[in-house]
Amino acid sequence: MYGIKEYEIKGFKNLSNPAKRLFGYVYQKHQAGVEDKEDWTAIKVKERKNCIEVTFRNGKWLNYYTNGTWG
């Protein structure tokens, strides 16, 4: 899905189907804008009430929001 290796992202299988779609959509947009894609590779996700918490290889984390933004 969206070119994402779901099996490499801890917690992905636990996301609801709408959350998986949201993650794929926002992740693609986010990856298009980052220079060091390797460091910004998602390694863990957790579904929250109004967002998806995404942890990256560089140790940083962002929330992916239902309106397609992140922060």
C-alpha atoms as a PDB file:
ATOM      1  CA  MET A   1       0.000   0.000   0.000  1.00  0.00           C
ATOM      2  CA  TYR A   2       1.414   3.393  -1.013  1.00  0.00           C
ATOM      3  CA  GLY A   3       4.807   1.736  -1.459  1.00  0.00           C
ATOM      4  CA  ILE A   4       5.083   1.257   2.298  1.00  0.00           C
ATOM      5  CA  LYS A   5       6.635  -1.892   3.728  1.00  0.00           C
ATOM      6  CA  GLU A   6       3.976  -2.350   6.400  1.00  0.00           C
ATOM      7  CA  TYR A   7       5.753  -5.310   7.955  1.00  0.00           C
ATOM      8  CA  GLU A   8       8.686  -3.001   8.839  1.00  0.00           C
ATOM      9  CA  ILE A   9       6.535  -0.541  10.794  1.00  0.00           C
ATOM     10  CA  LYS A  10       5.774  -1.615  14.361  1.00  0.00           C
ATOM     11  CA  GLY A  11       2.087  -1.195  15.159  1.00  0.00           C
ATOM     12  CA  PHE A  12       0.916  -0.841  11.558  1.00  0.00           C
ATOM     13  CA  LYS A  13      -1.118  -4.046  11.649  1.00  0.00           C
ATOM     14  CA  ASN A  14      -2.995  -2.687  14.692  1.00  0.00           C
ATOM     15  CA  LEU A  15      -4.232   0.432  12.872  1.00  0.00           C
ATOM     16  CA  SER A  16      -7.840   0.549  11.716  1.00  0.00           C
ATOM     17  CA  ASN A  17      -8.351   0.519   7.943  1.00  0.00           C
ATOM     18  CA  PRO A  18      -9.166   4.266   7.846  1.00  0.00           C
ATOM     19  CA  ALA A  19      -6.005   4.963   9.884  1.00  0.00           C
ATOM     20  CA  LYS A  20      -3.927   2.854   7.478  1.00  0.00           C
ATOM     21  CA  ARG A  21      -5.265   4.885   4.550  1.00  0.00           C
ATOM     22  CA  LEU A  22      -4.604   8.148   6.385  1.00  0.00           C
ATOM     23  CA  PHE A  23      -1.071   7.074   7.282  1.00  0.00           C
ATOM     24  CA  GLY A  24      -0.317   6.103   3.684  1.00  0.00           C
ATOM     25  CA  TYR A  25      -1.660   9.369   2.305  1.00  0.00           C
ATOM     26  CA  VAL A  26       0.118  11.674   4.776  1.00  0.00           C
ATOM     27  CA  TYR A  27       3.337   9.626   4.778  1.00  0.00           C
ATOM     28  CA  GLN A  28       3.639  10.033   1.005  1.00  0.00           C
ATOM     29  CA  LYS A  29       3.139  13.790   1.282  1.00  0.00           C
ATOM     30  CA  HIS A  30       5.625  14.020   4.153  1.00  0.00           C
ATOM     31  CA  GLN A  31       8.263  11.935   2.359  1.00  0.00           C
ATOM     32  CA  ALA A  32       7.980  14.109  -0.756  1.00  0.00           C
ATOM     33  CA  GLY A  33       9.199  17.106   1.230  1.00  0.00           C
ATOM     34  CA  VAL A  34      12.075  15.686   3.273  1.00  0.00           C
ATOM     35  CA  GLU A  35      15.669  15.617   2.067  1.00  0.00           C
ATOM     36  CA  ASP A  36      16.971  12.705   4.138  1.00  0.00           C
ATOM     37  CA  LYS A  37      14.296  10.088   3.542  1.00  0.00           C
ATOM     38  CA  GLU A  38      16.337   7.370   5.282  1.00  0.00           C
ATOM     39  CA  ASP A  39      16.284   9.210   8.631  1.00  0.00           C
ATOM     40  CA  TRP A  40      12.583   9.996   8.218  1.00  0.00           C
ATOM     41  CA  THR A  41      11.570   6.384   7.596  1.00  0.00           C
ATOM     42  CA  ALA A  42       8.647   5.414   9.830  1.00  0.00           C
ATOM     43  CA  ILE A  43       9.486   2.639  12.286  1.00  0.00           C
ATOM     44  CA  LYS A  44       6.490   2.759  14.661  1.00  0.00           C
ATOM     45  CA  VAL A  45       2.894   3.991  14.530  1.00  0.00           C
ATOM     46  CA  LYS A  46       0.120   4.287  17.087  1.00  0.00           C
ATOM     47  CA  GLU A  47      -3.465   5.295  16.421  1.00  0.00           C
ATOM     48  CA  ARG A  48      -4.777   8.097  18.626  1.00  0.00           C
ATOM     49  CA  LYS A  49      -8.244   9.654  18.764  1.00  0.00           C
ATOM     50  CA  ASN A  50      -7.620  12.427  16.203  1.00  0.00           C
ATOM     51  CA  CYS A  51      -4.240  11.503  14.756  1.00  0.00           C
ATOM     52  CA  ILE A  52      -1.609   8.854  14.194  1.00  0.00           C
ATOM     53  CA  GLU A  53       1.592   9.143  16.218  1.00  0.00           C
ATOM     54  CA  VAL A  54       4.533   8.253  13.968  1.00  0.00           C
ATOM     55  CA  THR A  55       8.065   7.564  15.234  1.00  0.00           C
ATOM     56  CA  PHE A  56      10.934   7.757  12.754  1.00  0.00           C
ATOM     57  CA  ARG A  57      14.353   6.156  12.440  1.00  0.00           C
ATOM     58  CA  ASN A  58      16.014   9.419  13.550  1.00  0.00           C
ATOM     59  CA  GLY A  59      14.221   9.161  16.928  1.00  0.00           C
ATOM     60  CA  LYS A  60      11.856  12.060  16.245  1.00  0.00           C
ATOM     61  CA  TRP A  61       8.090  11.692  16.142  1.00  0.00           C
ATOM     62  CA  LEU A  62       5.212  13.564  14.534  1.00  0.00           C
ATOM     63  CA  ASN A  63       1.448  13.360  14.581  1.00  0.00           C
ATOM     64  CA  TYR A  64      -0.314  12.766  11.270  1.00  0.00           C
ATOM     65  CA  TYR A  65      -3.694  14.511  11.429  1.00  0.00           C
ATOM     66  CA  THR A  66      -6.989  13.635   9.773  1.00  0.00           C
ATOM     67  CA  ASN A  67      -6.844  16.813   7.657  1.00  0.00           C
ATOM     68  CA  GLY A  68      -3.706  15.500   5.904  1.00  0.00           C
ATOM     69  CA  THR A  69      -1.162  17.596   7.802  1.00  0.00           C
ATOM     70  CA  TRP A  70       1.537  16.699  10.298  1.00  0.00           C
ATOM     71  CA  GLY A  71       3.242  18.362  13.183  1.00  0.00           C
END
